Amino acid sequence: MNRNQRLSPAEQYQQTHQVDERELRFKEIQFFVVRTAGRCFKQCINNFETSTLSDPEKSCINNCIQRAQRSQAEIQQVMPEIDKRFKD
C-alpha cells in the first residue's frame, strides 16, 4: 500500500496542488533567469573577439541582473494587492 492510498481525497488533492505550485514557481524562476540573461547579454556584450568579458561588460551585466531582480521583487510585493483587486 503506497502513501497516497492512505490519504483522504482532500489530502491527496492538497498534496498534488502543492506539487503543482512548486513546479509552477520553478518554471517561473527558470523563465525569469533565461529571459533576464538573454536581455542582459544583448544589452551588455558587444565584443565577440575575446573569450573574456571586459570590465565594462561585467559591470553592465551585474547592473542589469540586479535591476531585473529588484524589479521582480517589487512586482512580487504588489501582486497580492493586484490579485485581490481583481478577485473582489
N, C-alpha and C. Protein backbone atom coordinates (compact mmCIF):
# COMPACT_ATOMS: atom_id res chain seq x y z
N MET A 1 0.85 -1.18 0.00
CA MET A 1 0.00 0.00 0.00
C MET A 1 0.90 1.24 0.00
N ASN A 2 0.70 2.12 -0.98
CA ASN A 2 1.54 3.31 -1.01
C ASN A 2 0.91 4.44 -0.19
N ARG A 3 1.69 5.49 -0.02
CA ARG A 3 1.27 6.60 0.85
C ARG A 3 -0.01 7.27 0.37
N ASN A 4 -0.20 7.43 -0.93
CA ASN A 4 -1.40 8.09 -1.46
C ASN A 4 -2.67 7.32 -1.15
N GLN A 5 -2.58 6.01 -1.01
CA GLN A 5 -3.77 5.23 -0.71
C GLN A 5 -4.22 5.45 0.73
N ARG A 6 -3.36 5.90 1.60
CA ARG A 6 -3.72 6.16 2.99
C ARG A 6 -4.24 7.58 3.18
N LEU A 7 -4.08 8.44 2.21
CA LEU A 7 -4.53 9.82 2.32
C LEU A 7 -6.00 9.93 1.93
N SER A 8 -6.67 10.85 2.57
CA SER A 8 -8.06 11.13 2.18
C SER A 8 -8.03 11.85 0.83
N PRO A 9 -9.15 11.89 0.13
CA PRO A 9 -9.19 12.62 -1.14
C PRO A 9 -8.77 14.08 -0.98
N ALA A 10 -9.17 14.70 0.11
CA ALA A 10 -8.79 16.10 0.34
C ALA A 10 -7.28 16.22 0.52
N GLU A 11 -6.68 15.29 1.25
CA GLU A 11 -5.23 15.31 1.46
C GLU A 11 -4.49 15.03 0.15
N GLN A 12 -5.01 14.13 -0.65
CA GLN A 12 -4.40 13.84 -1.95
C GLN A 12 -4.44 15.08 -2.84
N TYR A 13 -5.58 15.76 -2.85
CA TYR A 13 -5.72 16.98 -3.65
C TYR A 13 -4.72 18.03 -3.18
N GLN A 14 -4.64 18.21 -1.85
CA GLN A 14 -3.74 19.21 -1.29
C GLN A 14 -2.29 18.89 -1.65
N GLN A 15 -1.91 17.64 -1.54
CA GLN A 15 -0.55 17.23 -1.85
C GLN A 15 -0.24 17.48 -3.33
N THR A 16 -1.14 17.10 -4.20
CA THR A 16 -0.96 17.33 -5.64
C THR A 16 -0.89 18.81 -5.95
N HIS A 17 -1.76 19.59 -5.31
CA HIS A 17 -1.81 21.03 -5.53
C HIS A 17 -0.49 21.68 -5.10
N GLN A 18 0.08 21.24 -3.98
CA GLN A 18 1.35 21.79 -3.51
C GLN A 18 2.47 21.49 -4.50
N VAL A 19 2.48 20.29 -5.05
CA VAL A 19 3.49 19.92 -6.04
C VAL A 19 3.33 20.79 -7.28
N ASP A 20 2.08 20.99 -7.72
CA ASP A 20 1.83 21.84 -8.89
C ASP A 20 2.32 23.26 -8.65
N GLU A 21 2.09 23.80 -7.46
CA GLU A 21 2.54 25.16 -7.15
C GLU A 21 4.06 25.25 -7.16
N ARG A 22 4.74 24.26 -6.61
CA ARG A 22 6.22 24.26 -6.62
C ARG A 22 6.74 24.18 -8.05
N GLU A 23 6.12 23.33 -8.85
CA GLU A 23 6.55 23.18 -10.24
C GLU A 23 6.32 24.48 -11.00
N LEU A 24 5.18 25.12 -10.78
CA LEU A 24 4.88 26.38 -11.44
C LEU A 24 5.89 27.45 -11.02
N ARG A 25 6.19 27.53 -9.74
CA ARG A 25 7.14 28.51 -9.23
C ARG A 25 8.53 28.27 -9.84
N PHE A 26 8.94 27.00 -9.93
CA PHE A 26 10.22 26.67 -10.53
C PHE A 26 10.26 27.13 -11.99
N LYS A 27 9.19 26.88 -12.73
CA LYS A 27 9.14 27.28 -14.13
C LYS A 27 9.17 28.79 -14.28
N GLU A 28 8.49 29.51 -13.37
CA GLU A 28 8.52 30.97 -13.40
C GLU A 28 9.94 31.49 -13.17
N ILE A 29 10.62 30.91 -12.21
CA ILE A 29 12.00 31.33 -11.92
C ILE A 29 12.91 31.02 -13.11
N GLN A 30 12.74 29.84 -13.67
CA GLN A 30 13.54 29.44 -14.82
C GLN A 30 13.31 30.40 -15.99
N PHE A 31 12.07 30.76 -16.26
CA PHE A 31 11.75 31.69 -17.34
C PHE A 31 12.38 33.05 -17.07
N PHE A 32 12.29 33.53 -15.82
CA PHE A 32 12.87 34.81 -15.45
C PHE A 32 14.38 34.82 -15.69
N VAL A 33 15.05 33.76 -15.29
CA VAL A 33 16.51 33.68 -15.44
C VAL A 33 16.90 33.69 -16.92
N VAL A 34 16.22 32.88 -17.72
CA VAL A 34 16.54 32.79 -19.15
C VAL A 34 16.26 34.12 -19.84
N ARG A 35 15.11 34.72 -19.55
CA ARG A 35 14.75 36.00 -20.17
C ARG A 35 15.73 37.09 -19.76
N THR A 36 16.06 37.16 -18.48
CA THR A 36 16.98 38.18 -17.99
C THR A 36 18.37 38.01 -18.58
N ALA A 37 18.85 36.78 -18.60
CA ALA A 37 20.18 36.53 -19.17
C ALA A 37 20.24 36.94 -20.63
N GLY A 38 19.21 36.61 -21.39
CA GLY A 38 19.18 36.98 -22.80
C GLY A 38 19.15 38.48 -23.01
N ARG A 39 18.30 39.15 -22.23
CA ARG A 39 18.18 40.60 -22.37
C ARG A 39 19.48 41.29 -21.96
N CYS A 40 20.07 40.86 -20.85
CA CYS A 40 21.31 41.49 -20.38
C CYS A 40 22.46 41.19 -21.35
N PHE A 41 22.50 40.00 -21.91
CA PHE A 41 23.53 39.66 -22.88
C PHE A 41 23.44 40.59 -24.09
N LYS A 42 22.24 40.74 -24.63
CA LYS A 42 22.06 41.61 -25.80
C LYS A 42 22.43 43.05 -25.49
N GLN A 43 22.11 43.49 -24.29
CA GLN A 43 22.35 44.87 -23.90
C GLN A 43 23.81 45.15 -23.59
N CYS A 44 24.52 44.17 -23.04
CA CYS A 44 25.84 44.44 -22.46
C CYS A 44 27.04 43.89 -23.23
N ILE A 45 26.86 42.82 -23.96
CA ILE A 45 28.00 42.18 -24.61
C ILE A 45 28.14 42.69 -26.03
N ASN A 46 29.27 43.35 -26.27
CA ASN A 46 29.49 43.97 -27.57
C ASN A 46 30.71 43.44 -28.31
N ASN A 47 31.66 42.90 -27.58
CA ASN A 47 32.91 42.47 -28.18
C ASN A 47 32.97 40.94 -28.20
N PHE A 48 32.94 40.38 -29.39
CA PHE A 48 32.98 38.93 -29.53
C PHE A 48 34.34 38.43 -30.01
N GLU A 49 35.34 39.31 -29.96
CA GLU A 49 36.68 38.95 -30.41
C GLU A 49 37.52 38.31 -29.32
N THR A 50 37.08 38.42 -28.06
CA THR A 50 37.82 37.82 -26.95
C THR A 50 36.91 36.82 -26.23
N SER A 51 37.55 35.94 -25.49
CA SER A 51 36.78 34.92 -24.77
C SER A 51 36.44 35.34 -23.35
N THR A 52 36.86 36.54 -22.97
CA THR A 52 36.56 37.03 -21.62
C THR A 52 35.76 38.33 -21.71
N LEU A 53 35.05 38.62 -20.64
CA LEU A 53 34.29 39.86 -20.58
C LEU A 53 35.20 41.01 -20.16
N SER A 54 34.97 42.15 -20.75
CA SER A 54 35.69 43.35 -20.33
C SER A 54 35.09 43.84 -19.01
N ASP A 55 35.80 44.72 -18.33
CA ASP A 55 35.27 45.27 -17.08
C ASP A 55 33.95 46.01 -17.29
N PRO A 56 33.83 46.84 -18.34
CA PRO A 56 32.54 47.49 -18.57
C PRO A 56 31.40 46.49 -18.86
N GLU A 57 31.71 45.41 -19.57
CA GLU A 57 30.70 44.38 -19.83
C GLU A 57 30.28 43.69 -18.54
N LYS A 58 31.25 43.38 -17.69
CA LYS A 58 30.94 42.75 -16.40
C LYS A 58 30.06 43.67 -15.55
N SER A 59 30.42 44.92 -15.52
CA SER A 59 29.65 45.90 -14.74
C SER A 59 28.23 46.02 -15.28
N CYS A 60 28.11 46.08 -16.59
CA CYS A 60 26.80 46.18 -17.23
C CYS A 60 25.95 44.95 -16.91
N ILE A 61 26.53 43.77 -17.02
CA ILE A 61 25.80 42.53 -16.73
C ILE A 61 25.33 42.53 -15.28
N ASN A 62 26.24 42.87 -14.35
CA ASN A 62 25.87 42.89 -12.93
C ASN A 62 24.74 43.88 -12.66
N ASN A 63 24.86 45.09 -13.22
CA ASN A 63 23.81 46.10 -13.03
C ASN A 63 22.49 45.66 -13.63
N CYS A 64 22.54 45.08 -14.80
CA CYS A 64 21.34 44.63 -15.50
C CYS A 64 20.62 43.55 -14.68
N ILE A 65 21.36 42.58 -14.20
CA ILE A 65 20.76 41.49 -13.43
C ILE A 65 20.22 42.00 -12.10
N GLN A 66 20.96 42.87 -11.43
CA GLN A 66 20.47 43.43 -10.16
C GLN A 66 19.19 44.23 -10.37
N ARG A 67 19.14 45.00 -11.44
CA ARG A 67 17.94 45.78 -11.75
C ARG A 67 16.75 44.86 -12.01
N ALA A 68 16.98 43.79 -12.74
CA ALA A 68 15.91 42.83 -13.02
C ALA A 68 15.43 42.16 -11.73
N GLN A 69 16.36 41.81 -10.85
CA GLN A 69 15.99 41.18 -9.58
C GLN A 69 15.19 42.13 -8.70
N ARG A 70 15.60 43.39 -8.64
CA ARG A 70 14.85 44.38 -7.85
C ARG A 70 13.46 44.58 -8.42
N SER A 71 13.37 44.65 -9.74
CA SER A 71 12.06 44.81 -10.38
C SER A 71 11.17 43.62 -10.07
N GLN A 72 11.72 42.43 -10.17
CA GLN A 72 10.95 41.21 -9.88
C GLN A 72 10.47 41.21 -8.44
N ALA A 73 11.33 41.62 -7.51
CA ALA A 73 10.96 41.66 -6.09
C ALA A 73 9.83 42.66 -5.85
N GLU A 74 9.91 43.82 -6.50
CA GLU A 74 8.86 44.83 -6.35
C GLU A 74 7.53 44.33 -6.92
N ILE A 75 7.60 43.66 -8.04
CA ILE A 75 6.39 43.10 -8.65
C ILE A 75 5.76 42.07 -7.72
N GLN A 76 6.58 41.22 -7.13
CA GLN A 76 6.06 40.20 -6.22
C GLN A 76 5.42 40.82 -4.99
N GLN A 77 5.90 41.98 -4.56
CA GLN A 77 5.31 42.65 -3.41
C GLN A 77 3.93 43.21 -3.72
N VAL A 78 3.73 43.73 -4.92
CA VAL A 78 2.44 44.35 -5.24
C VAL A 78 1.43 43.38 -5.84
N MET A 79 1.88 42.23 -6.30
CA MET A 79 0.95 41.28 -6.94
C MET A 79 -0.19 40.83 -6.04
N PRO A 80 0.04 40.53 -4.76
CA PRO A 80 -1.10 40.13 -3.94
C PRO A 80 -2.20 41.19 -3.89
N GLU A 81 -1.82 42.45 -3.83
CA GLU A 81 -2.82 43.53 -3.81
C GLU A 81 -3.55 43.61 -5.15
N ILE A 82 -2.82 43.47 -6.23
CA ILE A 82 -3.45 43.49 -7.55
C ILE A 82 -4.39 42.31 -7.71
N ASP A 83 -3.94 41.13 -7.31
CA ASP A 83 -4.80 39.94 -7.37
C ASP A 83 -6.07 40.14 -6.57
N LYS A 84 -5.92 40.72 -5.39
CA LYS A 84 -7.07 40.95 -4.52
C LYS A 84 -8.08 41.87 -5.20
N ARG A 85 -7.60 42.91 -5.86
CA ARG A 85 -8.50 43.86 -6.54
C ARG A 85 -9.28 43.18 -7.66
N PHE A 86 -8.63 42.28 -8.38
CA PHE A 86 -9.31 41.59 -9.47
C PHE A 86 -10.30 40.55 -8.96
N LYS A 87 -10.04 39.99 -7.80
CA LYS A 87 -10.93 38.97 -7.24
C LYS A 87 -12.16 39.59 -6.58
N ASP A 88 -12.04 40.83 -6.13
CA ASP A 88 -13.17 41.49 -5.45
C ASP A 88 -14.21 41.98 -6.42
